[in-house]
Amino acid sequence: MSDGTAVLPEIETEEETRTKRQPPYNVILLNDDDHTYEYVILMLKELFAIPEQKGFELARMVDEKGRAIVCTTSRERAELKQEQIHAYGPDPRLERCKGSMYAEIEPAE
């Protein structure tokens, strides 16, 4: 016996879940003429695990072009890497060197 209530069949719905990815950021090392290639190569090796040959190429790019992208990552990690560069300290090979190199971050294109 029916009480007049209609039972509708269950309809499966797919929920689309998308992970919103954060846009990548570049960490850019800037030239200042107060640090040796050896300093730059060692810093890149210690902070970014960049091999020495690649570190040399990046040091040369910074020297010749004034800047080089040393890392592309999330904004949070880019800010951390920028802070690590700024805290790395002066180049002991140059007496005139008073502090760390400078880096900036910007959205990757």
PDB file of N, CA and C in Angstrom:
ATOM      1  N   MET A   1       0.821  -1.175   0.000  1.00  0.00           N
ATOM      2  CA  MET A   1       0.000   0.000   0.000  1.00  0.00           C
ATOM      3  C   MET A   1       0.863   1.234   0.000  1.00  0.00           C
ATOM      4  N   SER A   2       0.490   2.206  -0.776  1.00  0.00           N
ATOM      5  CA  SER A   2       1.302   3.418  -0.915  1.00  0.00           C
ATOM      6  C   SER A   2       0.620   4.565  -0.211  1.00  0.00           C
ATOM      7  N   ASP A   3       1.411   5.403   0.436  1.00  0.00           N
ATOM      8  CA  ASP A   3       0.832   6.557   1.113  1.00  0.00           C
ATOM      9  C   ASP A   3       0.871   7.795   0.229  1.00  0.00           C
ATOM     10  N   GLY A   4       1.226   7.631  -1.057  1.00  0.00           N
ATOM     11  CA  GLY A   4       1.251   8.740  -1.998  1.00  0.00           C
ATOM     12  C   GLY A   4       2.571   9.475  -2.043  1.00  0.00           C
ATOM     13  N   THR A   5       3.528   9.053  -1.260  1.00  0.00           N
ATOM     14  CA  THR A   5       4.823   9.720  -1.266  1.00  0.00           C
ATOM     15  C   THR A   5       5.696   9.055  -2.322  1.00  0.00           C
ATOM     16  N   ALA A   6       6.235   9.878  -3.215  1.00  0.00           N
ATOM     17  CA  ALA A   6       7.102   9.344  -4.265  1.00  0.00           C
ATOM     18  C   ALA A   6       8.533   9.269  -3.744  1.00  0.00           C
ATOM     19  N   VAL A   7       9.199   8.201  -4.063  1.00  0.00           N
ATOM     20  CA  VAL A   7      10.604   8.044  -3.687  1.00  0.00           C
ATOM     21  C   VAL A   7      11.431   8.237  -4.949  1.00  0.00           C
ATOM     22  N   LEU A   8      12.293   9.249  -4.904  1.00  0.00           N
ATOM     23  CA  LEU A   8      13.138   9.520  -6.053  1.00  0.00           C
ATOM     24  C   LEU A   8      14.408   8.701  -5.957  1.00  0.00           C
ATOM     25  N   PRO A   9      14.910   8.244  -7.103  1.00  0.00           N
ATOM     26  CA  PRO A   9      16.163   7.491  -7.058  1.00  0.00           C
ATOM     27  C   PRO A   9      17.327   8.426  -6.680  1.00  0.00           C
ATOM     28  N   GLU A  10      18.312   7.853  -6.008  1.00  0.00           N
ATOM     29  CA  GLU A  10      19.476   8.670  -5.635  1.00  0.00           C
ATOM     30  C   GLU A  10      20.270   9.011  -6.879  1.00  0.00           C
ATOM     31  N   ILE A  11      20.673  10.248  -6.962  1.00  0.00           N
ATOM     32  CA  ILE A  11      21.480  10.703  -8.088  1.00  0.00           C
ATOM     33  C   ILE A  11      22.891  10.960  -7.564  1.00  0.00           C
ATOM     34  N   GLU A  12      23.848  10.284  -8.193  1.00  0.00           N
ATOM     35  CA  GLU A  12      25.239  10.486  -7.790  1.00  0.00           C
ATOM     36  C   GLU A  12      25.749  11.787  -8.386  1.00  0.00           C
ATOM     37  N   THR A  13      26.370  12.563  -7.570  1.00  0.00           N
ATOM     38  CA  THR A  13      26.985  13.797  -8.067  1.00  0.00           C
ATOM     39  C   THR A  13      28.478  13.724  -7.797  1.00  0.00           C
ATOM     40  N   GLU A  14      29.236  14.136  -8.776  1.00  0.00           N
ATOM     41  CA  GLU A  14      30.688  14.178  -8.601  1.00  0.00           C
ATOM     42  C   GLU A  14      31.082  15.579  -8.209  1.00  0.00           C
ATOM     43  N   GLU A  15      31.740  15.657  -7.097  1.00  0.00           N
ATOM     44  CA  GLU A  15      32.256  16.958  -6.682  1.00  0.00           C
ATOM     45  C   GLU A  15      33.644  17.111  -7.250  1.00  0.00           C
ATOM     46  N   GLU A  16      33.843  18.228  -7.903  1.00  0.00           N
ATOM     47  CA  GLU A  16      35.149  18.482  -8.482  1.00  0.00           C
ATOM     48  C   GLU A  16      35.994  19.219  -7.451  1.00  0.00           C
ATOM     49  N   THR A  17      37.048  18.582  -7.061  1.00  0.00           N
ATOM     50  CA  THR A  17      37.942  19.243  -6.116  1.00  0.00           C
ATOM     51  C   THR A  17      39.239  19.572  -6.835  1.00  0.00           C
ATOM     52  N   ARG A  18      39.550  20.824  -6.837  1.00  0.00           N
ATOM     53  CA  ARG A  18      40.786  21.275  -7.464  1.00  0.00           C
ATOM     54  C   ARG A  18      41.652  21.932  -6.405  1.00  0.00           C
ATOM     55  N   THR A  19      42.889  21.538  -6.401  1.00  0.00           N
ATOM     56  CA  THR A  19      43.827  22.158  -5.490  1.00  0.00           C
ATOM     57  C   THR A  19      44.308  23.438  -6.140  1.00  0.00           C
ATOM     58  N   LYS A  20      44.085  24.527  -5.447  1.00  0.00           N
ATOM     59  CA  LYS A  20      44.535  25.797  -5.996  1.00  0.00           C
ATOM     60  C   LYS A  20      46.032  25.919  -5.727  1.00  0.00           C
ATOM     61  N   ARG A  21      46.790  25.968  -6.796  1.00  0.00           N
ATOM     62  CA  ARG A  21      48.239  26.055  -6.671  1.00  0.00           C
ATOM     63  C   ARG A  21      48.652  27.512  -6.556  1.00  0.00           C
ATOM     64  N   GLN A  22      49.611  27.723  -5.688  1.00  0.00           N
ATOM     65  CA  GLN A  22      50.154  29.060  -5.526  1.00  0.00           C
ATOM     66  C   GLN A  22      51.058  29.356  -6.715  1.00  0.00           C
ATOM     67  N   PRO A  23      51.031  30.594  -7.206  1.00  0.00           N
ATOM     68  CA  PRO A  23      51.905  30.918  -8.333  1.00  0.00           C
ATOM     69  C   PRO A  23      53.368  30.867  -7.897  1.00  0.00           C
ATOM     70  N   PRO A  24      54.261  30.444  -8.800  1.00  0.00           N
ATOM     71  CA  PRO A  24      55.682  30.347  -8.440  1.00  0.00           C
ATOM     72  C   PRO A  24      56.352  31.718  -8.369  1.00  0.00           C
ATOM     73  N   TYR A  25      57.408  31.776  -7.573  1.00  0.00           N
ATOM     74  CA  TYR A  25      58.207  33.003  -7.420  1.00  0.00           C
ATOM     75  C   TYR A  25      59.664  32.694  -7.716  1.00  0.00           C
ATOM     76  N   ASN A  26      60.334  33.676  -8.320  1.00  0.00           N
ATOM     77  CA  ASN A  26      61.769  33.585  -8.573  1.00  0.00           C
ATOM     78  C   ASN A  26      62.530  34.245  -7.438  1.00  0.00           C
ATOM     79  N   VAL A  27      63.634  33.625  -7.053  1.00  0.00           N
ATOM     80  CA  VAL A  27      64.602  34.229  -6.142  1.00  0.00           C
ATOM     81  C   VAL A  27      65.720  34.744  -7.041  1.00  0.00           C
ATOM     82  N   ILE A  28      65.958  36.052  -7.004  1.00  0.00           N
ATOM     83  CA  ILE A  28      66.914  36.679  -7.908  1.00  0.00           C
ATOM     84  C   ILE A  28      68.084  37.244  -7.106  1.00  0.00           C
ATOM     85  N   LEU A  29      69.270  36.763  -7.424  1.00  0.00           N
ATOM     86  CA  LEU A  29      70.491  37.231  -6.786  1.00  0.00           C
ATOM     87  C   LEU A  29      70.993  38.443  -7.556  1.00  0.00           C
ATOM     88  N   LEU A  30      71.322  39.518  -6.820  1.00  0.00           N
ATOM     89  CA  LEU A  30      71.750  40.776  -7.446  1.00  0.00           C
ATOM     90  C   LEU A  30      73.241  41.000  -7.254  1.00  0.00           C
ATOM     91  N   ASN A  31      73.860  41.611  -8.251  1.00  0.00           N
ATOM     92  CA  ASN A  31      75.290  41.893  -8.218  1.00  0.00           C
ATOM     93  C   ASN A  31      75.573  43.114  -7.358  1.00  0.00           C
ATOM     94  N   ASP A  32      76.706  43.068  -6.648  1.00  0.00           N
ATOM     95  CA  ASP A  32      77.103  44.230  -5.847  1.00  0.00           C
ATOM     96  C   ASP A  32      78.601  44.502  -5.887  1.00  0.00           C
ATOM     97  N   ASP A  33      79.346  43.704  -6.629  1.00  0.00           N
ATOM     98  CA  ASP A  33      80.804  43.864  -6.769  1.00  0.00           C
ATOM     99  C   ASP A  33      81.572  43.749  -5.455  1.00  0.00           C
ATOM    100  N   ASP A  34      80.947  43.261  -4.402  1.00  0.00           N
ATOM    101  CA  ASP A  34      81.623  43.110  -3.115  1.00  0.00           C
ATOM    102  C   ASP A  34      81.759  41.659  -2.681  1.00  0.00           C
ATOM    103  N   HIS A  35      81.547  40.741  -3.600  1.00  0.00           N
ATOM    104  CA  HIS A  35      81.643  39.318  -3.278  1.00  0.00           C
ATOM    105  C   HIS A  35      82.351  38.593  -4.411  1.00  0.00           C
ATOM    106  N   THR A  36      83.202  37.638  -4.041  1.00  0.00           N
ATOM    107  CA  THR A  36      83.944  36.873  -5.036  1.00  0.00           C
ATOM    108  C   THR A  36      83.081  35.768  -5.638  1.00  0.00           C
ATOM    109  N   TYR A  37      83.525  35.257  -6.784  1.00  0.00           N
ATOM    110  CA  TYR A  37      82.862  34.109  -7.388  1.00  0.00           C
ATOM    111  C   TYR A  37      82.856  32.944  -6.407  1.00  0.00           C
ATOM    112  N   GLU A  38      83.957  32.760  -5.695  1.00  0.00           N
ATOM    113  CA  GLU A  38      84.051  31.648  -4.741  1.00  0.00           C
ATOM    114  C   GLU A  38      82.962  31.753  -3.682  1.00  0.00           C
ATOM    115  N   TYR A  39      82.717  32.969  -3.192  1.00  0.00           N
ATOM    116  CA  TYR A  39      81.670  33.211  -2.196  1.00  0.00           C
ATOM    117  C   TYR A  39      80.313  32.815  -2.768  1.00  0.00           C
ATOM    118  N   VAL A  40      80.026  33.304  -3.968  1.00  0.00           N
ATOM    119  CA  VAL A  40      78.724  33.040  -4.587  1.00  0.00           C
ATOM    120  C   VAL A  40      78.540  31.543  -4.818  1.00  0.00           C
ATOM    121  N   ILE A  41      79.566  30.893  -5.352  1.00  0.00           N
ATOM    122  CA  ILE A  41      79.484  29.452  -5.624  1.00  0.00           C
ATOM    123  C   ILE A  41      79.232  28.673  -4.346  1.00  0.00           C
ATOM    124  N   LEU A  42      79.965  28.989  -3.277  1.00  0.00           N
ATOM    125  CA  LEU A  42      79.787  28.295  -2.005  1.00  0.00           C
ATOM    126  C   LEU A  42      78.404  28.567  -1.404  1.00  0.00           C
ATOM    127  N   MET A  43      77.960  29.806  -1.453  1.00  0.00           N
ATOM    128  CA  MET A  43      76.640  30.153  -0.924  1.00  0.00           C
ATOM    129  C   MET A  43      75.541  29.388  -1.665  1.00  0.00           C
ATOM    130  N   LEU A  44      75.611  29.365  -2.995  1.00  0.00           N
ATOM    131  CA  LEU A  44      74.599  28.662  -3.781  1.00  0.00           C
ATOM    132  C   LEU A  44      74.624  27.159  -3.504  1.00  0.00           C
ATOM    133  N   LYS A  45      75.816  26.629  -3.278  1.00  0.00           N
ATOM    134  CA  LYS A  45      75.941  25.204  -2.961  1.00  0.00           C
ATOM    135  C   LYS A  45      75.322  24.900  -1.596  1.00  0.00           C
ATOM    136  N   GLU A  46      75.617  25.739  -0.609  1.00  0.00           N
ATOM    137  CA  GLU A  46      75.119  25.495   0.748  1.00  0.00           C
ATOM    138  C   GLU A  46      73.625  25.787   0.906  1.00  0.00           C
ATOM    139  N   LEU A  47      73.135  26.840   0.281  1.00  0.00           N
ATOM    140  CA  LEU A  47      71.732  27.230   0.482  1.00  0.00           C
ATOM    141  C   LEU A  47      70.764  26.568  -0.495  1.00  0.00           C
ATOM    142  N   PHE A  48      71.251  26.247  -1.706  1.00  0.00           N
ATOM    143  CA  PHE A  48      70.356  25.744  -2.746  1.00  0.00           C
ATOM    144  C   PHE A  48      70.763  24.373  -3.291  1.00  0.00           C
ATOM    145  N   ALA A  49      71.861  23.815  -2.787  1.00  0.00           N
ATOM    146  CA  ALA A  49      72.386  22.528  -3.276  1.00  0.00           C
ATOM    147  C   ALA A  49      72.688  22.587  -4.774  1.00  0.00           C
ATOM    148  N   ILE A  50      73.159  23.741  -5.232  1.00  0.00           N
ATOM    149  CA  ILE A  50      73.520  23.918  -6.637  1.00  0.00           C
ATOM    150  C   ILE A  50      74.963  23.433  -6.821  1.00  0.00           C
ATOM    151  N   PRO A  51      75.195  22.550  -7.788  1.00  0.00           N
ATOM    152  CA  PRO A  51      76.558  22.067  -8.036  1.00  0.00           C
ATOM    153  C   PRO A  51      77.507  23.212  -8.406  1.00  0.00           C
ATOM    154  N   GLU A  52      78.790  23.008  -8.164  1.00  0.00           N
ATOM    155  CA  GLU A  52      79.776  24.070  -8.358  1.00  0.00           C
ATOM    156  C   GLU A  52      79.791  24.633  -9.775  1.00  0.00           C
ATOM    157  N   GLN A  53      79.716  23.785 -10.794  1.00  0.00           N
ATOM    158  CA  GLN A  53      79.752  24.283 -12.176  1.00  0.00           C
ATOM    159  C   GLN A  53      78.558  25.193 -12.454  1.00  0.00           C
ATOM    160  N   LYS A  54      77.376  24.781 -12.023  1.00  0.00           N
ATOM    161  CA  LYS A  54      76.172  25.605 -12.204  1.00  0.00           C
ATOM    162  C   LYS A  54      76.296  26.874 -11.361  1.00  0.00           C
ATOM    163  N   GLY A  55      76.867  26.757 -10.171  1.00  0.00           N
ATOM    164  CA  GLY A  55      77.097  27.925  -9.321  1.00  0.00           C
ATOM    165  C   GLY A  55      78.011  28.931  -9.989  1.00  0.00           C
ATOM    166  N   PHE A  56      79.060  28.425 -10.670  1.00  0.00           N
ATOM    167  CA  PHE A  56      79.964  29.311 -11.400  1.00  0.00           C
ATOM    168  C   PHE A  56      79.219  30.037 -12.521  1.00  0.00           C
ATOM    169  N   GLU A  57      78.387  29.294 -13.254  1.00  0.00           N
ATOM    170  CA  GLU A  57      77.614  29.901 -14.348  1.00  0.00           C
ATOM    171  C   GLU A  57      76.677  30.987 -13.818  1.00  0.00           C
ATOM    172  N   LEU A  58      76.039  30.730 -12.688  1.00  0.00           N
ATOM    173  CA  LEU A  58      75.148  31.730 -12.091  1.00  0.00           C
ATOM    174  C   LEU A  58      75.941  32.933 -11.573  1.00  0.00           C
ATOM    175  N   ALA A  59      77.108  32.680 -10.966  1.00  0.00           N
ATOM    176  CA  ALA A  59      77.955  33.781 -10.482  1.00  0.00           C
ATOM    177  C   ALA A  59      78.377  34.663 -11.649  1.00  0.00           C
ATOM    178  N   ARG A  60      78.732  34.042 -12.756  1.00  0.00           N
ATOM    179  CA  ARG A  60      79.125  34.815 -13.942  1.00  0.00           C
ATOM    180  C   ARG A  60      77.947  35.618 -14.481  1.00  0.00           C
ATOM    181  N   MET A  61      76.761  35.025 -14.491  1.00  0.00           N
ATOM    182  CA  MET A  61      75.577  35.737 -14.969  1.00  0.00           C
ATOM    183  C   MET A  61      75.278  36.955 -14.091  1.00  0.00           C
ATOM    184  N   VAL A  62      75.384  36.771 -12.764  1.00  0.00           N
ATOM    185  CA  VAL A  62      75.169  37.890 -11.842  1.00  0.00           C
ATOM    186  C   VAL A  62      76.192  38.994 -12.128  1.00  0.00           C
ATOM    187  N   ASP A  63      77.441  38.599 -12.336  1.00  0.00           N
ATOM    188  CA  ASP A  63      78.518  39.549 -12.597  1.00  0.00           C
ATOM    189  C   ASP A  63      78.305  40.294 -13.914  1.00  0.00           C
ATOM    190  N   GLU A  64      77.917  39.575 -14.963  1.00  0.00           N
ATOM    191  CA  GLU A  64      77.791  40.176 -16.291  1.00  0.00           C
ATOM    192  C   GLU A  64      76.461  40.882 -16.523  1.00  0.00           C
ATOM    193  N   LYS A  65      75.385  40.323 -16.012  1.00  0.00           N
ATOM    194  CA  LYS A  65      74.053  40.887 -16.285  1.00  0.00           C
ATOM    195  C   LYS A  65      73.460  41.639 -15.100  1.00  0.00           C
ATOM    196  N   GLY A  66      74.105  41.512 -13.935  1.00  0.00           N
ATOM    197  CA  GLY A  66      73.622  42.225 -12.760  1.00  0.00           C
ATOM    198  C   GLY A  66      72.622  41.453 -11.923  1.00  0.00           C
ATOM    199  N   ARG A  67      72.150  40.328 -12.432  1.00  0.00           N
ATOM    200  CA  ARG A  67      71.157  39.533 -11.703  1.00  0.00           C
ATOM    201  C   ARG A  67      71.050  38.152 -12.318  1.00  0.00           C
ATOM    202  N   ALA A  68      70.578  37.215 -11.510  1.00  0.00           N
ATOM    203  CA  ALA A  68      70.340  35.856 -11.997  1.00  0.00           C
ATOM    204  C   ALA A  68      69.283  35.191 -11.135  1.00  0.00           C
ATOM    205  N   ILE A  69      68.398  34.451 -11.779  1.00  0.00           N
ATOM    206  CA  ILE A  69      67.406  33.660 -11.049  1.00  0.00           C
ATOM    207  C   ILE A  69      68.123  32.424 -10.518  1.00  0.00           C
ATOM    208  N   VAL A  70      68.115  32.252  -9.203  1.00  0.00           N
ATOM    209  CA  VAL A  70      68.806  31.109  -8.604  1.00  0.00           C
ATOM    210  C   VAL A  70      67.829  30.027  -8.132  1.00  0.00           C
ATOM    211  N   CYS A  71      66.534  30.359  -8.117  1.00  0.00           N
ATOM    212  CA  CYS A  71      65.553  29.388  -7.638  1.00  0.00           C
ATOM    213  C   CYS A  71      64.158  29.864  -8.028  1.00  0.00           C
ATOM    214  N   THR A  72      63.283  28.925  -8.390  1.00  0.00           N
ATOM    215  CA  THR A  72      61.869  29.218  -8.619  1.00  0.00           C
ATOM    216  C   THR A  72      61.082  28.254  -7.749  1.00  0.00           C
ATOM    217  N   THR A  73      60.234  28.820  -6.883  1.00  0.00           N
ATOM    218  CA  THR A  73      59.558  27.999  -5.885  1.00  0.00           C
ATOM    219  C   THR A  73      58.301  28.723  -5.399  1.00  0.00           C
ATOM    220  N   SER A  74      57.697  28.210  -4.337  1.00  0.00           N
ATOM    221  CA  SER A  74      56.526  28.866  -3.750  1.00  0.00           C
ATOM    222  C   SER A  74      56.947  30.195  -3.123  1.00  0.00           C
ATOM    223  N   ARG A  75      55.994  31.077  -2.921  1.00  0.00           N
ATOM    224  CA  ARG A  75      56.322  32.378  -2.335  1.00  0.00           C
ATOM    225  C   ARG A  75      56.941  32.230  -0.951  1.00  0.00           C
ATOM    226  N   GLU A  76      56.368  31.355  -0.143  1.00  0.00           N
ATOM    227  CA  GLU A  76      56.863  31.161   1.221  1.00  0.00           C
ATOM    228  C   GLU A  76      58.318  30.686   1.215  1.00  0.00           C
ATOM    229  N   ARG A  77      58.619  29.710   0.369  1.00  0.00           N
ATOM    230  CA  ARG A  77      59.991  29.203   0.289  1.00  0.00           C
ATOM    231  C   ARG A  77      60.925  30.251  -0.330  1.00  0.00           C
ATOM    232  N   ALA A  78      60.437  31.010  -1.301  1.00  0.00           N
ATOM    233  CA  ALA A  78      61.249  32.074  -1.918  1.00  0.00           C
ATOM    234  C   ALA A  78      61.631  33.118  -0.863  1.00  0.00           C
ATOM    235  N   GLU A  79      60.675  33.466  -0.004  1.00  0.00           N
ATOM    236  CA  GLU A  79      60.968  34.432   1.064  1.00  0.00           C
ATOM    237  C   GLU A  79      62.013  33.873   2.031  1.00  0.00           C
ATOM    238  N   LEU A  80      61.902  32.583   2.344  1.00  0.00           N
ATOM    239  CA  LEU A  80      62.879  31.937   3.215  1.00  0.00           C
ATOM    240  C   LEU A  80      64.272  31.967   2.581  1.00  0.00           C
ATOM    241  N   LYS A  81      64.359  31.618   1.304  1.00  0.00           N
ATOM    242  CA  LYS A  81      65.650  31.599   0.608  1.00  0.00           C
ATOM    243  C   LYS A  81      66.236  33.009   0.519  1.00  0.00           C
ATOM    244  N   GLN A  82      65.398  33.997   0.307  1.00  0.00           N
ATOM    245  CA  GLN A  82      65.856  35.389   0.281  1.00  0.00           C
ATOM    246  C   GLN A  82      66.455  35.765   1.641  1.00  0.00           C
ATOM    247  N   GLU A  83      65.778  35.392   2.710  1.00  0.00           N
ATOM    248  CA  GLU A  83      66.282  35.676   4.061  1.00  0.00           C
ATOM    249  C   GLU A  83      67.610  34.964   4.312  1.00  0.00           C
ATOM    250  N   GLN A  84      67.728  33.724   3.831  1.00  0.00           N
ATOM    251  CA  GLN A  84      68.973  32.982   4.017  1.00  0.00           C
ATOM    252  C   GLN A  84      70.134  33.657   3.280  1.00  0.00           C
ATOM    253  N   ILE A  85      69.887  34.161   2.080  1.00  0.00           N
ATOM    254  CA  ILE A  85      70.922  34.895   1.341  1.00  0.00           C
ATOM    255  C   ILE A  85      71.331  36.130   2.121  1.00  0.00           C
ATOM    256  N   HIS A  86      70.338  36.871   2.619  1.00  0.00           N
ATOM    257  CA  HIS A  86      70.617  38.111   3.357  1.00  0.00           C
ATOM    258  C   HIS A  86      71.354  37.848   4.671  1.00  0.00           C
ATOM    259  N   ALA A  87      71.206  36.639   5.211  1.00  0.00           N
ATOM    260  CA  ALA A  87      71.841  36.302   6.491  1.00  0.00           C
ATOM    261  C   ALA A  87      73.151  35.536   6.319  1.00  0.00           C
ATOM    262  N   TYR A  88      73.567  35.293   5.096  1.00  0.00           N
ATOM    263  CA  TYR A  88      74.736  34.438   4.854  1.00  0.00           C
ATOM    264  C   TYR A  88      76.038  35.052   5.363  1.00  0.00           C
ATOM    265  N   GLY A  89      76.100  36.353   5.420  1.00  0.00           N
ATOM    266  CA  GLY A  89      77.283  36.996   5.975  1.00  0.00           C
ATOM    267  C   GLY A  89      78.237  37.519   4.917  1.00  0.00           C
ATOM    268  N   PRO A  90      79.243  38.265   5.356  1.00  0.00           N
ATOM    269  CA  PRO A  90      80.191  38.882   4.423  1.00  0.00           C
ATOM    270  C   PRO A  90      81.145  37.855   3.810  1.00  0.00           C
ATOM    271  N   ASP A  91      81.774  38.268   2.727  1.00  0.00           N
ATOM    272  CA  ASP A  91      82.771  37.442   2.051  1.00  0.00           C
ATOM    273  C   ASP A  91      84.109  37.634   2.755  1.00  0.00           C
ATOM    274  N   PRO A  92      84.634  36.609   3.417  1.00  0.00           N
ATOM    275  CA  PRO A  92      85.894  36.759   4.151  1.00  0.00           C
ATOM    276  C   PRO A  92      87.103  36.965   3.230  1.00  0.00           C
ATOM    277  N   ARG A  93      86.910  36.763   1.923  1.00  0.00           N
ATOM    278  CA  ARG A  93      88.005  36.930   0.972  1.00  0.00           C
ATOM    279  C   ARG A  93      88.245  38.391   0.592  1.00  0.00           C
ATOM    280  N   LEU A  94      87.276  39.249   0.889  1.00  0.00           N
ATOM    281  CA  LEU A  94      87.388  40.671   0.540  1.00  0.00           C
ATOM    282  C   LEU A  94      87.255  41.523   1.796  1.00  0.00           C
ATOM    283  N   GLU A  95      88.274  42.276   2.094  1.00  0.00           N
ATOM    284  CA  GLU A  95      88.262  43.117   3.294  1.00  0.00           C
ATOM    285  C   GLU A  95      87.177  44.186   3.239  1.00  0.00           C
ATOM    286  N   ARG A  96      86.901  44.691   2.028  1.00  0.00           N
ATOM    287  CA  ARG A  96      85.907  45.762   1.882  1.00  0.00           C
ATOM    288  C   ARG A  96      84.459  45.265   2.028  1.00  0.00           C
ATOM    289  N   CYS A  97      84.273  43.956   1.983  1.00  0.00           N
ATOM    290  CA  CYS A  97      82.931  43.379   2.057  1.00  0.00           C
ATOM    291  C   CYS A  97      82.392  43.522   3.478  1.00  0.00           C
ATOM    292  N   LYS A  98      81.244  44.147   3.595  1.00  0.00           N
ATOM    293  CA  LYS A  98      80.660  44.418   4.912  1.00  0.00           C
ATOM    294  C   LYS A  98      79.435  43.565   5.231  1.00  0.00           C
ATOM    295  N   GLY A  99      78.919  42.829   4.258  1.00  0.00           N
ATOM    296  CA  GLY A  99      77.718  42.045   4.549  1.00  0.00           C
ATOM    297  C   GLY A  99      77.378  41.061   3.448  1.00  0.00           C
ATOM    298  N   SER A 100      76.220  40.502   3.558  1.00  0.00           N
ATOM    299  CA  SER A 100      75.734  39.489   2.627  1.00  0.00           C
ATOM    300  C   SER A 100      75.368  40.100   1.281  1.00  0.00           C
ATOM    301  N   MET A 101      75.127  39.241   0.328  1.00  0.00           N
ATOM    302  CA  MET A 101      74.608  39.684  -0.967  1.00  0.00           C
ATOM    303  C   MET A 101      73.134  40.025  -0.798  1.00  0.00           C
ATOM    304  N   TYR A 102      72.572  40.629  -1.823  1.00  0.00           N
ATOM    305  CA  TYR A 102      71.168  41.011  -1.783  1.00  0.00           C
ATOM    306  C   TYR A 102      70.401  40.202  -2.822  1.00  0.00           C
ATOM    307  N   ALA A 103      69.193  39.818  -2.459  1.00  0.00           N
ATOM    308  CA  ALA A 103      68.319  39.088  -3.372  1.00  0.00           C
ATOM    309  C   ALA A 103      66.923  39.674  -3.286  1.00  0.00           C
ATOM    310  N   GLU A 104      66.190  39.531  -4.370  1.00  0.00           N
ATOM    311  CA  GLU A 104      64.791  39.942  -4.376  1.00  0.00           C
ATOM    312  C   GLU A 104      63.954  38.785  -4.888  1.00  0.00           C
ATOM    313  N   ILE A 105      62.661  38.853  -4.624  1.00  0.00           N
ATOM    314  CA  ILE A 105      61.767  37.836  -5.158  1.00  0.00           C
ATOM    315  C   ILE A 105      60.728  38.536  -6.026  1.00  0.00           C
ATOM    316  N   GLU A 106      60.268  37.819  -7.040  1.00  0.00           N
ATOM    317  CA  GLU A 106      59.222  38.346  -7.909  1.00  0.00           C
ATOM    318  C   GLU A 106      58.447  37.174  -8.492  1.00  0.00           C
ATOM    319  N   PRO A 107      57.188  37.411  -8.855  1.00  0.00           N
ATOM    320  CA  PRO A 107      56.415  36.329  -9.458  1.00  0.00           C
ATOM    321  C   PRO A 107      57.103  35.819 -10.729  1.00  0.00           C
ATOM    322  N   ALA A 108      57.137  34.510 -10.892  1.00  0.00           N
ATOM    323  CA  ALA A 108      57.704  33.918 -12.102  1.00  0.00           C
ATOM    324  C   ALA A 108      56.721  34.136 -13.246  1.00  0.00           C
ATOM    325  N   GLU A 109      57.244  34.377 -14.406  1.00  0.00           N
ATOM    326  CA  GLU A 109      56.361  34.619 -15.569  1.00  0.00           C
ATOM    327  C   GLU A 109      55.945  33.334 -16.201  1.00  0.00           C
TER     328      GLU A 109
END
